[in-house]
Amino acid sequence: MTKITTIEPGPWRPAPFDGRRFANATGPGVHGWADALKYMRTRQPERWPRHAGNDPAPRPADRVDDGTIRVTVVGHATVLLQVGGLNILTDPVLSPRIGPLSWLGVTRVRPPALAFADLPRIDVVLVSHDHYDHLDRPTLAALERRDAPLVLTGLKAGRKIPAARIVELDWWESREIGNGMVATYVPAEHFSGRGLFDRNASLWGGFVIETAAGPVYFAGDTGDGPHFAAIRNRFGPMTVSLIPIGAYAPRWFMAPVHIDPAEAVAASLALESRLSIAIHFGTFALADDGIDAAPLALAEAVAAVEATGERIDFRLPVFGRPIVVASEELVA
């Protein structure tokens, strides 16, 4: 079956679902188990260090309610968003290892840039999908015990989250999250599953948070596709976009589910994002690209765009250091 390459600007359709499994809006394209086994047999990963450190980071403000958006990348896809008096945490993963058991899985190379105790009280948690590097039950359980936040996630993913206040959303469904802000679950090109028998049994996606300071897009995990333009059509230009750049090699295997840095730059342009911030790199060795590959490739992709005379602000964050987005200008 041929994948479609456009998503009509409306109506905003729910995720394809056959009663048992979800699918991408563009149709088939995600690899099956045979290709996964081929990848494991033939992969040639670049070397990662056993440990990568972070520079000391300031403790975040308890609240931010000055008309700005404050973005602090903690590591991988875990980002602290502080805006309008709310503290929002995306895909919180603070464990030293990700996998089905505490001793089985991928070891963290770079520690979280902020310790759990240094996080302010979290009001809202956004969980993009159920993969172990995005849905970390120990971290979510600790947040539930301390803060009891509202948790938003995709359809049928809530059962895997240890929290009392969970809202499951289909694509394009919205929920008020407090202080006049609304979060909408938006499409991504990816898949779900934490074991051998739950492939695509729960939904995956990203989020757009509508704030008084402008819309913020959190992509979660995604391959390339027309959903970036569809999100722009629905919400207008993004003020801030959190876009993944890592775990993209080899392309024959990773392209359907993970964009590479050049595609991340193209996504930023499609979103008309005033500021894009890189996530999903430098923390876990999940694919064949090395720890420095994504940052270097991002710099090349940004330079290629700027060489054409087009403006783009796509930043590689310093883990733990806040980026403040003011109403009319960006403040480092």
C-alpha atoms as a PDB file:
ATOM      1  CA  MET A   1       0.000   0.000   0.000  1.00  0.00           C
ATOM      2  CA  THR A   2       1.327   3.446  -0.910  1.00  0.00           C
ATOM      3  CA  LYS A   3       1.700   5.925   1.913  1.00  0.00           C
ATOM      4  CA  ILE A   4      -0.176   9.175   1.494  1.00  0.00           C
ATOM      5  CA  THR A   5       1.949  12.280   1.754  1.00  0.00           C
ATOM      6  CA  THR A   6      -0.596  14.921   2.727  1.00  0.00           C
ATOM      7  CA  ILE A   7      -3.138  15.358   5.482  1.00  0.00           C
ATOM      8  CA  GLU A   8      -6.113  17.455   4.496  1.00  0.00           C
ATOM      9  CA  PRO A   9      -6.434  20.599   6.645  1.00  0.00           C
ATOM     10  CA  GLY A  10      -9.780  19.508   8.079  1.00  0.00           C
ATOM     11  CA  PRO A  11     -11.752  17.902   9.486  1.00  0.00           C
ATOM     12  CA  TRP A  12      -9.198  16.835  12.098  1.00  0.00           C
ATOM     13  CA  ARG A  13      -9.493  13.069  12.004  1.00  0.00           C
ATOM     14  CA  PRO A  14      -8.931  10.705  14.937  1.00  0.00           C
ATOM     15  CA  ALA A  15      -6.168   8.127  14.795  1.00  0.00           C
ATOM     16  CA  PRO A  16      -6.825   5.095  12.590  1.00  0.00           C
ATOM     17  CA  PHE A  17      -7.977   2.208  14.812  1.00  0.00           C
ATOM     18  CA  ASP A  18      -9.328  -1.208  13.798  1.00  0.00           C
ATOM     19  CA  GLY A  19     -10.640  -2.142  17.214  1.00  0.00           C
ATOM     20  CA  ARG A  20      -7.333  -3.679  18.325  1.00  0.00           C
ATOM     21  CA  ARG A  21      -4.440  -1.703  16.851  1.00  0.00           C
ATOM     22  CA  PHE A  22      -3.703   1.914  16.025  1.00  0.00           C
ATOM     23  CA  ALA A  23      -1.921   3.053  12.856  1.00  0.00           C
ATOM     24  CA  ASN A  24      -0.193   6.120  11.485  1.00  0.00           C
ATOM     25  CA  ALA A  25      -2.248   8.618   9.494  1.00  0.00           C
ATOM     26  CA  THR A  26      -0.144   7.940   6.395  1.00  0.00           C
ATOM     27  CA  GLY A  27      -0.724   4.195   6.431  1.00  0.00           C
ATOM     28  CA  PRO A  28       1.879   1.418   6.636  1.00  0.00           C
ATOM     29  CA  GLY A  29       5.549   2.163   6.950  1.00  0.00           C
ATOM     30  CA  VAL A  30       6.770   0.983  10.355  1.00  0.00           C
ATOM     31  CA  HIS A  31       9.023  -2.065  10.225  1.00  0.00           C
ATOM     32  CA  GLY A  32       7.974  -5.469  11.525  1.00  0.00           C
ATOM     33  CA  TRP A  33       9.822  -8.034  13.611  1.00  0.00           C
ATOM     34  CA  ALA A  34      11.793  -9.438  10.632  1.00  0.00           C
ATOM     35  CA  ASP A  35      13.363  -6.056   9.928  1.00  0.00           C
ATOM     36  CA  ALA A  36      14.016  -5.560  13.641  1.00  0.00           C
ATOM     37  CA  LEU A  37      15.957  -8.804  13.743  1.00  0.00           C
ATOM     38  CA  LYS A  38      17.883  -7.793  10.614  1.00  0.00           C
ATOM     39  CA  TYR A  39      18.746  -4.489  12.269  1.00  0.00           C
ATOM     40  CA  MET A  40      20.049  -6.234  15.380  1.00  0.00           C
ATOM     41  CA  ARG A  41      22.197  -8.565  13.242  1.00  0.00           C
ATOM     42  CA  THR A  42      23.655  -5.907  10.962  1.00  0.00           C
ATOM     43  CA  ARG A  43      23.867  -2.765  13.075  1.00  0.00           C
ATOM     44  CA  GLN A  44      27.149  -0.860  13.280  1.00  0.00           C
ATOM     45  CA  PRO A  45      26.745   1.529  16.203  1.00  0.00           C
ATOM     46  CA  GLU A  46      29.115   4.409  16.705  1.00  0.00           C
ATOM     47  CA  ARG A  47      30.897   4.340  20.040  1.00  0.00           C
ATOM     48  CA  TRP A  48      29.342   6.082  23.045  1.00  0.00           C
ATOM     49  CA  PRO A  49      31.182   6.905  26.268  1.00  0.00           C
ATOM     50  CA  ARG A  50      30.160   5.051  29.398  1.00  0.00           C
ATOM     51  CA  HIS A  51      29.398   8.357  31.094  1.00  0.00           C
ATOM     52  CA  ALA A  52      28.756  11.927  29.972  1.00  0.00           C
ATOM     53  CA  GLY A  53      28.454  14.687  32.529  1.00  0.00           C
ATOM     54  CA  ASN A  54      26.467  17.903  32.830  1.00  0.00           C
ATOM     55  CA  ASP A  55      27.605  21.314  33.950  1.00  0.00           C
ATOM     56  CA  PRO A  56      26.061  22.491  37.239  1.00  0.00           C
ATOM     57  CA  ALA A  57      22.543  23.780  36.649  1.00  0.00           C
ATOM     58  CA  PRO A  58      20.550  26.348  38.622  1.00  0.00           C
ATOM     59  CA  ARG A  59      17.541  25.205  40.565  1.00  0.00           C
ATOM     60  CA  PRO A  60      14.403  26.113  38.584  1.00  0.00           C
ATOM     61  CA  ALA A  61      12.022  28.792  39.755  1.00  0.00           C
ATOM     62  CA  ASP A  62       9.073  27.545  41.777  1.00  0.00           C
ATOM     63  CA  ARG A  63       6.683  29.210  39.307  1.00  0.00           C
ATOM     64  CA  VAL A  64       6.941  31.413  36.220  1.00  0.00           C
ATOM     65  CA  ASP A  65       4.071  33.841  35.663  1.00  0.00           C
ATOM     66  CA  ASP A  66       5.693  36.826  34.002  1.00  0.00           C
ATOM     67  CA  GLY A  67       4.404  36.354  30.454  1.00  0.00           C
ATOM     68  CA  THR A  68       7.402  34.290  29.358  1.00  0.00           C
ATOM     69  CA  ILE A  69       7.853  30.614  28.498  1.00  0.00           C
ATOM     70  CA  ARG A  70      10.739  28.990  30.339  1.00  0.00           C
ATOM     71  CA  VAL A  71      12.076  25.756  28.817  1.00  0.00           C
ATOM     72  CA  THR A  72      14.577  23.536  30.648  1.00  0.00           C
ATOM     73  CA  VAL A  73      15.710  20.312  28.960  1.00  0.00           C
ATOM     74  CA  VAL A  74      16.421  17.801  31.734  1.00  0.00           C
ATOM     75  CA  GLY A  75      17.547  15.065  29.355  1.00  0.00           C
ATOM     76  CA  HIS A  76      16.314  12.983  26.403  1.00  0.00           C
ATOM     77  CA  ALA A  77      12.624  13.967  25.982  1.00  0.00           C
ATOM     78  CA  THR A  78      12.159  15.156  29.561  1.00  0.00           C
ATOM     79  CA  VAL A  79      11.543  18.901  29.489  1.00  0.00           C
ATOM     80  CA  LEU A  80      10.306  21.266  32.192  1.00  0.00           C
ATOM     81  CA  LEU A  81       7.942  23.878  30.730  1.00  0.00           C
ATOM     82  CA  GLN A  82       7.088  26.778  33.009  1.00  0.00           C
ATOM     83  CA  VAL A  83       4.475  29.171  31.704  1.00  0.00           C
ATOM     84  CA  GLY A  84       1.432  31.014  33.024  1.00  0.00           C
ATOM     85  CA  GLY A  85       2.009  29.800  36.570  1.00  0.00           C
ATOM     86  CA  LEU A  86       1.929  26.121  35.575  1.00  0.00           C
ATOM     87  CA  ASN A  87       4.777  23.604  35.738  1.00  0.00           C
ATOM     88  CA  ILE A  88       4.520  21.035  32.955  1.00  0.00           C
ATOM     89  CA  LEU A  89       6.858  18.048  32.570  1.00  0.00           C
ATOM     90  CA  THR A  90       7.117  16.088  29.312  1.00  0.00           C
ATOM     91  CA  ASP A  91       7.915  12.366  29.151  1.00  0.00           C
ATOM     92  CA  PRO A  92       9.561  12.272  32.596  1.00  0.00           C
ATOM     93  CA  VAL A  93      12.400   9.713  32.625  1.00  0.00           C
ATOM     94  CA  LEU A  94      14.882  10.067  35.496  1.00  0.00           C
ATOM     95  CA  SER A  95      15.774   6.401  36.055  1.00  0.00           C
ATOM     96  CA  PRO A  96      19.365   5.187  35.517  1.00  0.00           C
ATOM     97  CA  ARG A  97      18.130   2.457  33.163  1.00  0.00           C
ATOM     98  CA  ILE A  98      15.142   2.087  30.837  1.00  0.00           C
ATOM     99  CA  GLY A  99      13.605  -1.306  30.155  1.00  0.00           C
ATOM    100  CA  PRO A 100      11.130  -3.904  31.396  1.00  0.00           C
ATOM    101  CA  LEU A 101      13.093  -4.501  34.634  1.00  0.00           C
ATOM    102  CA  SER A 102      15.344  -2.323  36.782  1.00  0.00           C
ATOM    103  CA  TRP A 103      18.346  -4.448  35.771  1.00  0.00           C
ATOM    104  CA  LEU A 104      17.383  -5.084  32.143  1.00  0.00           C
ATOM    105  CA  GLY A 105      17.464  -2.418  29.463  1.00  0.00           C
ATOM    106  CA  VAL A 106      19.500   0.519  28.196  1.00  0.00           C
ATOM    107  CA  THR A 107      21.730   2.270  30.732  1.00  0.00           C
ATOM    108  CA  ARG A 108      21.622   6.024  30.918  1.00  0.00           C
ATOM    109  CA  VAL A 109      24.876   7.640  29.714  1.00  0.00           C
ATOM    110  CA  ARG A 110      24.071  11.189  30.807  1.00  0.00           C
ATOM    111  CA  PRO A 111      22.385  11.707  34.185  1.00  0.00           C
ATOM    112  CA  PRO A 112      19.373  13.984  34.492  1.00  0.00           C
ATOM    113  CA  ALA A 113      20.502  17.601  34.520  1.00  0.00           C
ATOM    114  CA  LEU A 114      18.098  18.270  37.396  1.00  0.00           C
ATOM    115  CA  ALA A 115      17.650  15.963  40.363  1.00  0.00           C
ATOM    116  CA  PHE A 116      14.118  14.916  41.235  1.00  0.00           C
ATOM    117  CA  ALA A 117      14.329  16.859  44.503  1.00  0.00           C
ATOM    118  CA  ASP A 118      15.198  20.034  42.574  1.00  0.00           C
ATOM    119  CA  LEU A 119      12.135  19.875  40.335  1.00  0.00           C
ATOM    120  CA  PRO A 120       9.400  22.308  41.334  1.00  0.00           C
ATOM    121  CA  ARG A 121       5.940  20.976  42.080  1.00  0.00           C
ATOM    122  CA  ILE A 122       4.650  19.532  38.807  1.00  0.00           C
ATOM    123  CA  ASP A 123       1.061  20.341  37.850  1.00  0.00           C
ATOM    124  CA  VAL A 124       0.772  18.539  34.511  1.00  0.00           C
ATOM    125  CA  VAL A 125       2.647  15.621  32.962  1.00  0.00           C
ATOM    126  CA  LEU A 126       2.506  14.925  29.222  1.00  0.00           C
ATOM    127  CA  VAL A 127       3.309  11.331  28.177  1.00  0.00           C
ATOM    128  CA  SER A 128       3.637  11.046  24.407  1.00  0.00           C
ATOM    129  CA  HIS A 129       3.563   7.229  24.193  1.00  0.00           C
ATOM    130  CA  ASP A 130       4.436   4.061  26.068  1.00  0.00           C
ATOM    131  CA  HIS A 131       8.038   3.301  25.016  1.00  0.00           C
ATOM    132  CA  TYR A 132      10.401   2.853  27.942  1.00  0.00           C
ATOM    133  CA  ASP A 133      12.449   5.949  27.119  1.00  0.00           C
ATOM    134  CA  HIS A 134       9.274   8.067  27.297  1.00  0.00           C
ATOM    135  CA  LEU A 135       7.064   6.311  29.868  1.00  0.00           C
ATOM    136  CA  ASP A 136       9.161   5.557  32.951  1.00  0.00           C
ATOM    137  CA  ARG A 137       6.983   4.062  35.664  1.00  0.00           C
ATOM    138  CA  PRO A 138       9.385   4.687  38.600  1.00  0.00           C
ATOM    139  CA  THR A 139       9.642   8.393  37.782  1.00  0.00           C
ATOM    140  CA  LEU A 140       5.895   8.703  37.233  1.00  0.00           C
ATOM    141  CA  ALA A 141       5.218   6.896  40.518  1.00  0.00           C
ATOM    142  CA  ALA A 142       7.541   9.297  42.365  1.00  0.00           C
ATOM    143  CA  LEU A 143       5.736  12.281  40.807  1.00  0.00           C
ATOM    144  CA  GLU A 144       2.389  10.812  41.818  1.00  0.00           C
ATOM    145  CA  ARG A 145       3.494  10.362  45.429  1.00  0.00           C
ATOM    146  CA  ARG A 146       4.897  13.879  45.692  1.00  0.00           C
ATOM    147  CA  ASP A 147       2.687  16.032  43.445  1.00  0.00           C
ATOM    148  CA  ALA A 148      -0.298  13.987  42.183  1.00  0.00           C
ATOM    149  CA  PRO A 149      -0.187  15.804  38.817  1.00  0.00           C
ATOM    150  CA  LEU A 150      -2.724  15.661  36.021  1.00  0.00           C
ATOM    151  CA  VAL A 151      -1.348  13.226  33.406  1.00  0.00           C
ATOM    152  CA  LEU A 152      -2.296  13.467  29.721  1.00  0.00           C
ATOM    153  CA  THR A 153      -1.483  10.651  27.298  1.00  0.00           C
ATOM    154  CA  GLY A 154      -2.771   8.763  24.273  1.00  0.00           C
ATOM    155  CA  LEU A 155      -5.692   6.363  24.118  1.00  0.00           C
ATOM    156  CA  LYS A 156      -5.172   3.089  26.021  1.00  0.00           C
ATOM    157  CA  ALA A 157      -1.770   4.187  27.359  1.00  0.00           C
ATOM    158  CA  GLY A 158      -3.118   5.313  30.725  1.00  0.00           C
ATOM    159  CA  ARG A 159      -3.297   1.800  32.154  1.00  0.00           C
ATOM    160  CA  LYS A 160       0.518   1.705  32.113  1.00  0.00           C
ATOM    161  CA  ILE A 161       0.905   4.926  34.132  1.00  0.00           C
ATOM    162  CA  PRO A 162       0.928   4.827  37.953  1.00  0.00           C
ATOM    163  CA  ALA A 163      -1.188   7.916  38.566  1.00  0.00           C
ATOM    164  CA  ALA A 164      -4.666   8.712  39.836  1.00  0.00           C
ATOM    165  CA  ARG A 165      -5.579  11.595  37.500  1.00  0.00           C
ATOM    166  CA  ILE A 166      -5.094  10.373  33.934  1.00  0.00           C
ATOM    167  CA  VAL A 167      -6.782  11.693  30.800  1.00  0.00           C
ATOM    168  CA  GLU A 168      -6.448   9.653  27.599  1.00  0.00           C
ATOM    169  CA  LEU A 169      -6.797  11.564  24.355  1.00  0.00           C
ATOM    170  CA  ASP A 170      -7.242  10.758  20.680  1.00  0.00           C
ATOM    171  CA  TRP A 171      -5.473  12.865  18.070  1.00  0.00           C
ATOM    172  CA  TRP A 172      -6.778  16.454  17.989  1.00  0.00           C
ATOM    173  CA  GLU A 173      -8.638  16.047  21.291  1.00  0.00           C
ATOM    174  CA  SER A 174      -8.047  18.787  23.850  1.00  0.00           C
ATOM    175  CA  ARG A 175      -8.116  19.234  27.600  1.00  0.00           C
ATOM    176  CA  GLU A 176      -7.986  22.368  29.741  1.00  0.00           C
ATOM    177  CA  ILE A 177      -4.974  22.052  32.035  1.00  0.00           C
ATOM    178  CA  GLY A 178      -5.404  25.165  34.170  1.00  0.00           C
ATOM    179  CA  ASN A 179      -4.789  28.913  34.193  1.00  0.00           C
ATOM    180  CA  GLY A 180      -6.494  29.304  30.810  1.00  0.00           C
ATOM    181  CA  MET A 181      -4.206  26.862  28.995  1.00  0.00           C
ATOM    182  CA  VAL A 182      -5.298  24.001  26.741  1.00  0.00           C
ATOM    183  CA  ALA A 183      -3.296  20.941  25.688  1.00  0.00           C
ATOM    184  CA  THR A 184      -4.159  19.092  22.474  1.00  0.00           C
ATOM    185  CA  TYR A 185      -2.874  15.643  21.526  1.00  0.00           C
ATOM    186  CA  VAL A 186      -1.595  15.747  17.943  1.00  0.00           C
ATOM    187  CA  PRO A 187      -0.458  13.112  15.417  1.00  0.00           C
ATOM    188  CA  ALA A 188       3.011  11.624  15.109  1.00  0.00           C
ATOM    189  CA  GLU A 189       4.522   9.008  12.814  1.00  0.00           C
ATOM    190  CA  HIS A 190       5.617   6.313  15.238  1.00  0.00           C
ATOM    191  CA  PHE A 191       4.373   3.161  16.977  1.00  0.00           C
ATOM    192  CA  SER A 192       3.828   1.819  20.488  1.00  0.00           C
ATOM    193  CA  GLY A 193       4.482  -1.255  22.592  1.00  0.00           C
ATOM    194  CA  ARG A 194       6.442  -2.363  25.638  1.00  0.00           C
ATOM    195  CA  GLY A 195       6.486  -6.120  24.996  1.00  0.00           C
ATOM    196  CA  LEU A 196       6.025  -8.831  22.409  1.00  0.00           C
ATOM    197  CA  PHE A 197       2.236  -8.747  22.291  1.00  0.00           C
ATOM    198  CA  ASP A 198       1.112  -5.117  22.660  1.00  0.00           C
ATOM    199  CA  ARG A 199       2.449  -3.620  19.432  1.00  0.00           C
ATOM    200  CA  ASN A 200       0.334  -0.545  18.542  1.00  0.00           C
ATOM    201  CA  ALA A 201      -2.275  -1.405  21.175  1.00  0.00           C
ATOM    202  CA  SER A 202      -2.028   2.141  22.567  1.00  0.00           C
ATOM    203  CA  LEU A 203      -1.784   5.465  20.792  1.00  0.00           C
ATOM    204  CA  TRP A 204       1.273   7.649  20.219  1.00  0.00           C
ATOM    205  CA  GLY A 205       1.458  11.377  19.483  1.00  0.00           C
ATOM    206  CA  GLY A 206       2.713  14.793  20.511  1.00  0.00           C
ATOM    207  CA  PHE A 207       1.145  17.788  22.226  1.00  0.00           C
ATOM    208  CA  VAL A 208       0.418  21.424  21.498  1.00  0.00           C
ATOM    209  CA  ILE A 209      -0.059  23.622  24.562  1.00  0.00           C
ATOM    210  CA  GLU A 210      -1.903  26.873  23.885  1.00  0.00           C
ATOM    211  CA  THR A 211      -0.621  29.564  26.236  1.00  0.00           C
ATOM    212  CA  ALA A 212      -1.019  33.322  26.476  1.00  0.00           C
ATOM    213  CA  ALA A 213       2.606  33.574  25.320  1.00  0.00           C
ATOM    214  CA  GLY A 214       1.912  31.445  22.220  1.00  0.00           C
ATOM    215  CA  PRO A 215       1.608  27.768  21.283  1.00  0.00           C
ATOM    216  CA  VAL A 216       4.243  25.267  22.402  1.00  0.00           C
ATOM    217  CA  TYR A 217       4.708  22.011  20.461  1.00  0.00           C
ATOM    218  CA  PHE A 218       6.214  18.873  22.001  1.00  0.00           C
ATOM    219  CA  ALA A 219       6.791  16.280  19.291  1.00  0.00           C
ATOM    220  CA  GLY A 220       7.538  13.263  21.489  1.00  0.00           C
ATOM    221  CA  ASP A 221       8.895  10.652  19.070  1.00  0.00           C
ATOM    222  CA  THR A 222       8.163  10.875  15.363  1.00  0.00           C
ATOM    223  CA  GLY A 223       9.239  10.115  11.845  1.00  0.00           C
ATOM    224  CA  ASP A 224       8.819  12.607   9.035  1.00  0.00           C
ATOM    225  CA  GLY A 225       5.398  13.267   7.614  1.00  0.00           C
ATOM    226  CA  PRO A 226       2.676  15.774   6.776  1.00  0.00           C
ATOM    227  CA  HIS A 227       1.560  16.112  10.390  1.00  0.00           C
ATOM    228  CA  PHE A 228       3.929  19.040  10.988  1.00  0.00           C
ATOM    229  CA  ALA A 229       2.142  21.126   8.368  1.00  0.00           C
ATOM    230  CA  ALA A 230      -1.229  19.941   9.665  1.00  0.00           C
ATOM    231  CA  ILE A 231      -0.332  21.114  13.170  1.00  0.00           C
ATOM    232  CA  ARG A 232       0.706  24.495  11.759  1.00  0.00           C
ATOM    233  CA  ASN A 233      -2.603  24.701   9.876  1.00  0.00           C
ATOM    234  CA  ARG A 234      -4.580  23.984  13.032  1.00  0.00           C
ATOM    235  CA  PHE A 235      -2.780  26.204  15.558  1.00  0.00           C
ATOM    236  CA  GLY A 236      -0.837  28.752  13.530  1.00  0.00           C
ATOM    237  CA  PRO A 237       2.936  29.271  13.767  1.00  0.00           C
ATOM    238  CA  MET A 238       4.536  27.732  16.840  1.00  0.00           C
ATOM    239  CA  THR A 239       6.222  29.986  19.363  1.00  0.00           C
ATOM    240  CA  VAL A 240       8.360  27.133  20.696  1.00  0.00           C
ATOM    241  CA  SER A 241       8.829  23.626  19.293  1.00  0.00           C
ATOM    242  CA  LEU A 242      10.566  20.741  21.062  1.00  0.00           C
ATOM    243  CA  ILE A 243      11.772  18.500  18.237  1.00  0.00           C
ATOM    244  CA  PRO A 244      13.739  15.215  18.445  1.00  0.00           C
ATOM    245  CA  ILE A 245      17.039  14.955  16.569  1.00  0.00           C
ATOM    246  CA  GLY A 246      18.695  11.718  17.760  1.00  0.00           C
ATOM    247  CA  ALA A 247      18.443   7.918  17.385  1.00  0.00           C
ATOM    248  CA  TYR A 248      18.109   8.190  13.601  1.00  0.00           C
ATOM    249  CA  ALA A 249      20.693   5.758  12.164  1.00  0.00           C
ATOM    250  CA  PRO A 250      20.620   3.650  10.083  1.00  0.00           C
ATOM    251  CA  ARG A 251      18.042   5.438   7.991  1.00  0.00           C
ATOM    252  CA  TRP A 252      16.703   2.289   6.286  1.00  0.00           C
ATOM    253  CA  PHE A 253      15.408   1.180   9.677  1.00  0.00           C
ATOM    254  CA  MET A 254      14.875   4.351  11.721  1.00  0.00           C
ATOM    255  CA  ALA A 255      13.378   6.704   9.107  1.00  0.00           C
ATOM    256  CA  PRO A 256       9.741   5.628   9.603  1.00  0.00           C
ATOM    257  CA  VAL A 257       9.837   6.379  13.332  1.00  0.00           C
ATOM    258  CA  HIS A 258      12.650   8.900  14.029  1.00  0.00           C
ATOM    259  CA  ILE A 259      13.442  12.046  12.081  1.00  0.00           C
ATOM    260  CA  ASP A 260      17.076  12.913  11.492  1.00  0.00           C
ATOM    261  CA  PRO A 261      18.488  16.404  12.165  1.00  0.00           C
ATOM    262  CA  ALA A 262      17.875  17.624   8.597  1.00  0.00           C
ATOM    263  CA  GLU A 263      14.246  16.479   8.815  1.00  0.00           C
ATOM    264  CA  ALA A 264      13.980  18.148  12.225  1.00  0.00           C
ATOM    265  CA  VAL A 265      15.039  21.434  10.635  1.00  0.00           C
ATOM    266  CA  ALA A 266      12.487  20.922   7.858  1.00  0.00           C
ATOM    267  CA  ALA A 267       9.828  20.228  10.496  1.00  0.00           C
ATOM    268  CA  SER A 268      10.709  23.482  12.254  1.00  0.00           C
ATOM    269  CA  LEU A 269      10.219  25.354   8.990  1.00  0.00           C
ATOM    270  CA  ALA A 270       6.908  23.586   8.311  1.00  0.00           C
ATOM    271  CA  LEU A 271       5.721  24.537  11.793  1.00  0.00           C
ATOM    272  CA  GLU A 272       6.924  28.126  11.210  1.00  0.00           C
ATOM    273  CA  SER A 273       8.428  27.836  14.652  1.00  0.00           C
ATOM    274  CA  ARG A 274       9.924  31.006  16.089  1.00  0.00           C
ATOM    275  CA  LEU A 275      12.246  28.925  18.250  1.00  0.00           C
ATOM    276  CA  SER A 276      12.944  25.208  18.038  1.00  0.00           C
ATOM    277  CA  ILE A 277      14.830  23.309  20.723  1.00  0.00           C
ATOM    278  CA  ALA A 278      16.460  19.927  20.166  1.00  0.00           C
ATOM    279  CA  ILE A 279      15.489  16.974  22.353  1.00  0.00           C
ATOM    280  CA  HIS A 280      15.964  13.194  22.232  1.00  0.00           C
ATOM    281  CA  PHE A 281      19.765  13.120  21.966  1.00  0.00           C
ATOM    282  CA  GLY A 282      22.886  12.663  24.066  1.00  0.00           C
ATOM    283  CA  THR A 283      21.340  10.561  26.849  1.00  0.00           C
ATOM    284  CA  PHE A 284      20.615   6.970  25.775  1.00  0.00           C
ATOM    285  CA  ALA A 285      22.422   5.000  23.047  1.00  0.00           C
ATOM    286  CA  LEU A 286      19.273   3.840  21.248  1.00  0.00           C
ATOM    287  CA  ALA A 287      20.471   3.607  17.634  1.00  0.00           C
ATOM    288  CA  ASP A 288      23.670   3.616  15.581  1.00  0.00           C
ATOM    289  CA  ASP A 289      24.388   7.369  15.619  1.00  0.00           C
ATOM    290  CA  GLY A 290      27.045   8.395  18.120  1.00  0.00           C
ATOM    291  CA  ILE A 291      26.599  10.764  21.038  1.00  0.00           C
ATOM    292  CA  ASP A 292      27.898  13.772  19.038  1.00  0.00           C
ATOM    293  CA  ALA A 293      26.408  12.832  15.645  1.00  0.00           C
ATOM    294  CA  ALA A 294      23.023  14.529  16.044  1.00  0.00           C
ATOM    295  CA  PRO A 295      24.373  17.885  17.341  1.00  0.00           C
ATOM    296  CA  LEU A 296      26.919  18.040  14.508  1.00  0.00           C
ATOM    297  CA  ALA A 297      24.328  17.137  11.884  1.00  0.00           C
ATOM    298  CA  LEU A 298      21.904  19.701  13.307  1.00  0.00           C
ATOM    299  CA  ALA A 299      24.524  22.442  13.005  1.00  0.00           C
ATOM    300  CA  GLU A 300      25.109  21.474   9.365  1.00  0.00           C
ATOM    301  CA  ALA A 301      21.379  21.452   8.585  1.00  0.00           C
ATOM    302  CA  VAL A 302      20.851  24.862  10.196  1.00  0.00           C
ATOM    303  CA  ALA A 303      23.846  26.291   8.302  1.00  0.00           C
ATOM    304  CA  ALA A 304      22.442  24.944   5.023  1.00  0.00           C
ATOM    305  CA  VAL A 305      19.149  26.758   5.629  1.00  0.00           C
ATOM    306  CA  GLU A 306      20.860  29.996   6.634  1.00  0.00           C
ATOM    307  CA  ALA A 307      23.038  29.838   3.506  1.00  0.00           C
ATOM    308  CA  THR A 308      19.857  30.274   1.451  1.00  0.00           C
ATOM    309  CA  GLY A 309      19.036  33.495   3.320  1.00  0.00           C
ATOM    310  CA  GLU A 310      16.169  31.940   5.293  1.00  0.00           C
ATOM    311  CA  ARG A 311      16.061  32.623   9.020  1.00  0.00           C
ATOM    312  CA  ILE A 312      15.839  29.768  11.507  1.00  0.00           C
ATOM    313  CA  ASP A 313      16.428  29.628  15.261  1.00  0.00           C
ATOM    314  CA  PHE A 314      16.978  25.967  16.144  1.00  0.00           C
ATOM    315  CA  ARG A 315      18.965  25.587  19.333  1.00  0.00           C
ATOM    316  CA  LEU A 316      20.922  22.792  20.918  1.00  0.00           C
ATOM    317  CA  PRO A 317      20.113  23.230  24.611  1.00  0.00           C
ATOM    318  CA  VAL A 318      22.532  23.079  27.502  1.00  0.00           C
ATOM    319  CA  PHE A 319      20.993  20.416  29.712  1.00  0.00           C
ATOM    320  CA  GLY A 320      19.556  21.957  32.853  1.00  0.00           C
ATOM    321  CA  ARG A 321      19.930  25.571  31.669  1.00  0.00           C
ATOM    322  CA  PRO A 322      16.635  27.398  31.057  1.00  0.00           C
ATOM    323  CA  ILE A 323      15.816  29.062  27.753  1.00  0.00           C
ATOM    324  CA  VAL A 324      13.438  31.960  28.287  1.00  0.00           C
ATOM    325  CA  VAL A 325      11.102  33.016  25.485  1.00  0.00           C
ATOM    326  CA  ALA A 326       9.808  36.555  25.935  1.00  0.00           C
ATOM    327  CA  SER A 327       6.786  37.984  24.153  1.00  0.00           C
ATOM    328  CA  GLU A 328       8.771  39.735  21.420  1.00  0.00           C
ATOM    329  CA  GLU A 329      12.295  38.388  21.693  1.00  0.00           C
ATOM    330  CA  LEU A 330      14.257  35.323  22.742  1.00  0.00           C
ATOM    331  CA  VAL A 331      16.391  35.613  25.842  1.00  0.00           C
ATOM    332  CA  ALA A 332      19.134  32.985  26.375  1.00  0.00           C
END
